[in-house]
């Protein structure tokens, strides 16, 4: 039981504002990523460009895509390209 004078941990922030730094690192290093959209479609490629509203995904197996950020469920670094 916590005493009256005990301080609780501060709440974690809802936004860290690190998205730009992360996307810039992925683009600069040419890191392969996999993107899952809200409708569960998945695409993989390299982020070539991004801004506040979309990312440009450069792919080898198809045309380059402009993906709106509000349509992206999540993205992650793809450790192994598909063969």
N, C-alpha and C. Protein backbone atom coordinates (compact mmCIF):
# COMPACT_ATOMS: atom_id res chain seq x y z
N UNK A 1 0.84 -1.17 0.00
CA UNK A 1 0.00 0.00 0.00
C UNK A 1 0.89 1.23 0.00
N UNK A 2 0.61 2.14 -0.87
CA UNK A 2 1.41 3.35 -0.98
C UNK A 2 1.01 4.34 0.10
N UNK A 3 2.00 5.00 0.65
CA UNK A 3 1.71 6.01 1.66
C UNK A 3 1.25 7.29 0.98
N UNK A 4 0.69 8.20 1.76
CA UNK A 4 0.16 9.44 1.22
C UNK A 4 1.24 10.29 0.56
N UNK A 5 2.44 10.26 1.09
CA UNK A 5 3.51 11.10 0.59
C UNK A 5 4.28 10.50 -0.58
N UNK A 6 4.00 9.25 -0.92
CA UNK A 6 4.74 8.60 -2.01
C UNK A 6 4.35 9.21 -3.35
N UNK A 7 5.35 9.44 -4.19
CA UNK A 7 5.10 10.01 -5.51
C UNK A 7 4.99 8.87 -6.52
N UNK A 8 4.03 9.00 -7.41
CA UNK A 8 3.88 7.98 -8.45
C UNK A 8 4.77 8.35 -9.63
N UNK A 9 5.03 7.38 -10.48
CA UNK A 9 5.85 7.61 -11.66
C UNK A 9 5.12 8.55 -12.60
N UNK A 10 5.86 9.38 -13.30
CA UNK A 10 5.19 10.26 -14.28
C UNK A 10 4.68 9.43 -15.46
N UNK A 11 3.62 9.91 -16.05
CA UNK A 11 3.03 9.22 -17.19
C UNK A 11 3.93 9.30 -18.40
N UNK A 12 3.94 8.27 -19.17
CA UNK A 12 4.70 8.27 -20.43
C UNK A 12 4.00 9.20 -21.41
N UNK A 13 4.77 9.94 -22.19
CA UNK A 13 4.14 10.85 -23.15
C UNK A 13 3.42 10.07 -24.25
N UNK A 14 2.35 10.65 -24.76
CA UNK A 14 1.62 9.99 -25.84
C UNK A 14 2.38 10.06 -27.15
N UNK A 15 3.17 11.12 -27.33
CA UNK A 15 3.98 11.25 -28.54
C UNK A 15 5.41 11.57 -28.14
N UNK A 16 6.34 10.93 -28.82
CA UNK A 16 7.76 11.19 -28.54
C UNK A 16 8.38 12.09 -29.60
N UNK A 17 7.69 12.29 -30.71
CA UNK A 17 8.17 13.12 -31.82
C UNK A 17 9.47 12.60 -32.41
N UNK A 18 9.67 11.29 -32.37
CA UNK A 18 10.86 10.66 -32.94
C UNK A 18 10.60 10.04 -34.31
N UNK A 19 9.37 10.16 -34.80
CA UNK A 19 9.03 9.55 -36.09
C UNK A 19 9.91 10.09 -37.21
N UNK A 20 10.12 11.40 -37.26
CA UNK A 20 10.93 12.00 -38.33
C UNK A 20 12.36 11.47 -38.28
N UNK A 21 12.94 11.40 -37.08
CA UNK A 21 14.31 10.90 -36.95
C UNK A 21 14.41 9.44 -37.40
N UNK A 22 13.42 8.64 -37.04
CA UNK A 22 13.43 7.22 -37.40
C UNK A 22 13.30 7.05 -38.92
N UNK A 23 12.35 7.75 -39.52
CA UNK A 23 12.17 7.64 -40.97
C UNK A 23 13.38 8.17 -41.72
N UNK A 24 13.99 9.24 -41.23
CA UNK A 24 15.19 9.78 -41.88
C UNK A 24 16.33 8.76 -41.82
N UNK A 25 16.49 8.10 -40.68
CA UNK A 25 17.55 7.08 -40.55
C UNK A 25 17.29 5.93 -41.51
N UNK A 26 16.04 5.46 -41.59
CA UNK A 26 15.71 4.38 -42.51
C UNK A 26 15.99 4.77 -43.96
N UNK A 27 15.63 6.00 -44.33
CA UNK A 27 15.85 6.46 -45.70
C UNK A 27 17.33 6.65 -45.99
N UNK A 28 18.06 7.26 -45.08
CA UNK A 28 19.49 7.52 -45.29
C UNK A 28 20.30 6.24 -45.40
N UNK A 29 19.94 5.24 -44.60
CA UNK A 29 20.70 3.99 -44.60
C UNK A 29 20.20 3.01 -45.65
N UNK A 30 19.08 3.32 -46.29
CA UNK A 30 18.53 2.41 -47.30
C UNK A 30 18.03 1.11 -46.68
N UNK A 31 17.54 1.19 -45.47
CA UNK A 31 17.05 0.00 -44.77
C UNK A 31 15.74 -0.48 -45.39
N UNK A 32 15.68 -1.76 -45.66
CA UNK A 32 14.48 -2.36 -46.21
C UNK A 32 13.40 -2.43 -45.13
N UNK A 33 12.18 -2.04 -45.46
CA UNK A 33 11.07 -2.05 -44.51
C UNK A 33 9.89 -2.81 -45.11
N UNK A 34 9.03 -3.24 -44.23
CA UNK A 34 7.76 -3.86 -44.62
C UNK A 34 6.67 -2.99 -44.01
N UNK A 35 5.69 -2.63 -44.83
CA UNK A 35 4.61 -1.74 -44.41
C UNK A 35 3.30 -2.50 -44.49
N UNK A 36 2.52 -2.46 -43.42
CA UNK A 36 1.18 -3.06 -43.43
C UNK A 36 0.17 -1.93 -43.37
N UNK A 37 -0.76 -1.95 -44.32
CA UNK A 37 -1.79 -0.93 -44.38
C UNK A 37 -2.98 -1.32 -43.53
N UNK A 38 -3.88 -0.38 -43.33
CA UNK A 38 -5.08 -0.62 -42.51
C UNK A 38 -5.94 -1.73 -43.08
N UNK A 39 -5.91 -1.95 -44.40
CA UNK A 39 -6.71 -3.03 -45.00
C UNK A 39 -5.91 -4.33 -45.11
N UNK A 40 -4.79 -4.42 -44.38
CA UNK A 40 -3.94 -5.60 -44.26
C UNK A 40 -3.12 -5.95 -45.51
N UNK A 41 -3.02 -5.05 -46.47
CA UNK A 41 -2.09 -5.25 -47.58
C UNK A 41 -0.69 -5.00 -47.05
N UNK A 42 0.27 -5.75 -47.56
CA UNK A 42 1.67 -5.56 -47.15
C UNK A 42 2.54 -5.28 -48.35
N UNK A 43 3.47 -4.35 -48.16
CA UNK A 43 4.43 -3.99 -49.19
C UNK A 43 5.80 -3.90 -48.55
N UNK A 44 6.83 -4.23 -49.31
CA UNK A 44 8.18 -4.08 -48.80
C UNK A 44 9.01 -3.31 -49.81
N UNK A 45 9.98 -2.60 -49.28
CA UNK A 45 10.85 -1.80 -50.13
C UNK A 45 11.70 -0.89 -49.26
N UNK A 46 12.20 0.17 -49.87
CA UNK A 46 13.06 1.13 -49.19
C UNK A 46 12.37 2.49 -49.21
N UNK A 47 12.37 3.18 -48.08
CA UNK A 47 11.79 4.51 -48.02
C UNK A 47 12.75 5.47 -48.73
N UNK A 48 12.25 6.09 -49.78
CA UNK A 48 13.08 7.02 -50.54
C UNK A 48 12.81 8.46 -50.13
N UNK A 49 11.55 8.76 -49.77
CA UNK A 49 11.16 10.11 -49.42
C UNK A 49 9.98 10.03 -48.47
N UNK A 50 9.82 11.03 -47.61
CA UNK A 50 8.66 11.11 -46.73
C UNK A 50 8.42 12.56 -46.37
N UNK A 51 7.19 12.85 -45.99
CA UNK A 51 6.87 14.16 -45.43
C UNK A 51 5.78 13.95 -44.38
N UNK A 52 5.08 14.99 -44.03
CA UNK A 52 4.10 14.89 -42.94
C UNK A 52 2.92 13.98 -43.29
N UNK A 53 2.63 13.82 -44.58
CA UNK A 53 1.44 13.07 -44.96
C UNK A 53 1.64 11.72 -45.59
N UNK A 54 2.82 11.46 -46.17
CA UNK A 54 3.01 10.19 -46.87
C UNK A 54 4.47 9.78 -46.88
N UNK A 55 4.69 8.52 -47.29
CA UNK A 55 6.05 8.03 -47.54
C UNK A 55 6.08 7.48 -48.96
N UNK A 56 7.24 7.57 -49.59
CA UNK A 56 7.43 6.97 -50.91
C UNK A 56 8.23 5.71 -50.70
N UNK A 57 7.66 4.59 -51.10
CA UNK A 57 8.30 3.29 -50.94
C UNK A 57 8.80 2.83 -52.30
N UNK A 58 10.11 2.67 -52.43
CA UNK A 58 10.73 2.21 -53.66
C UNK A 58 10.84 0.70 -53.60
N UNK A 59 10.29 0.03 -54.61
CA UNK A 59 10.27 -1.42 -54.62
C UNK A 59 11.01 -1.96 -55.82
N UNK A 60 11.53 -3.17 -55.68
CA UNK A 60 12.19 -3.85 -56.79
C UNK A 60 11.21 -4.70 -57.59
N UNK A 61 10.18 -5.20 -56.92
CA UNK A 61 9.25 -6.14 -57.55
C UNK A 61 7.98 -5.49 -58.07
N UNK A 62 7.96 -4.18 -58.16
CA UNK A 62 6.77 -3.50 -58.65
C UNK A 62 7.00 -2.00 -58.70
N UNK A 63 5.95 -1.27 -59.04
CA UNK A 63 6.10 0.18 -59.13
C UNK A 63 6.31 0.79 -57.74
N UNK A 64 6.94 1.96 -57.72
CA UNK A 64 7.10 2.69 -56.48
C UNK A 64 5.73 3.14 -55.98
N UNK A 65 5.58 3.24 -54.67
CA UNK A 65 4.28 3.58 -54.09
C UNK A 65 4.37 4.83 -53.25
N UNK A 66 3.33 5.64 -53.29
CA UNK A 66 3.15 6.73 -52.34
C UNK A 66 2.08 6.26 -51.37
N UNK A 67 2.44 6.08 -50.11
CA UNK A 67 1.53 5.56 -49.10
C UNK A 67 1.20 6.66 -48.11
N UNK A 68 -0.08 6.97 -47.95
CA UNK A 68 -0.48 7.96 -46.97
C UNK A 68 -0.29 7.41 -45.56
N UNK A 69 0.24 8.23 -44.69
CA UNK A 69 0.52 7.77 -43.33
C UNK A 69 -0.75 7.37 -42.59
N UNK A 70 -1.86 8.03 -42.86
CA UNK A 70 -3.09 7.67 -42.15
C UNK A 70 -3.61 6.29 -42.57
N UNK A 71 -3.11 5.74 -43.68
CA UNK A 71 -3.50 4.40 -44.12
C UNK A 71 -2.55 3.31 -43.60
N UNK A 72 -1.44 3.70 -42.97
CA UNK A 72 -0.45 2.74 -42.51
C UNK A 72 -0.81 2.26 -41.10
N UNK A 73 -0.93 0.94 -40.97
CA UNK A 73 -1.17 0.35 -39.65
C UNK A 73 0.14 0.32 -38.88
N UNK A 74 1.20 -0.19 -39.50
CA UNK A 74 2.53 -0.18 -38.90
C UNK A 74 3.56 -0.47 -39.97
N UNK A 75 4.82 -0.18 -39.65
CA UNK A 75 5.92 -0.58 -40.50
C UNK A 75 7.06 -1.05 -39.62
N UNK A 76 7.87 -1.92 -40.17
CA UNK A 76 9.01 -2.44 -39.42
C UNK A 76 10.14 -2.74 -40.37
N UNK A 77 11.35 -2.80 -39.82
CA UNK A 77 12.52 -3.13 -40.61
C UNK A 77 12.44 -4.59 -41.01
N UNK A 78 12.62 -4.84 -42.29
CA UNK A 78 12.51 -6.19 -42.84
C UNK A 78 13.88 -6.85 -42.83
N UNK A 79 14.10 -7.82 -41.95
CA UNK A 79 15.43 -8.41 -41.83
C UNK A 79 15.88 -9.20 -43.06
N UNK A 80 14.93 -9.83 -43.75
CA UNK A 80 15.30 -10.63 -44.92
C UNK A 80 14.36 -10.32 -46.06
N UNK A 81 14.90 -9.96 -47.23
CA UNK A 81 14.03 -9.73 -48.38
C UNK A 81 13.42 -11.04 -48.86
N UNK A 82 12.22 -10.93 -49.45
CA UNK A 82 11.56 -12.12 -49.99
C UNK A 82 12.28 -12.57 -51.24
N UNK A 83 12.35 -13.86 -51.42
CA UNK A 83 12.97 -14.42 -52.62
C UNK A 83 11.96 -14.92 -53.58
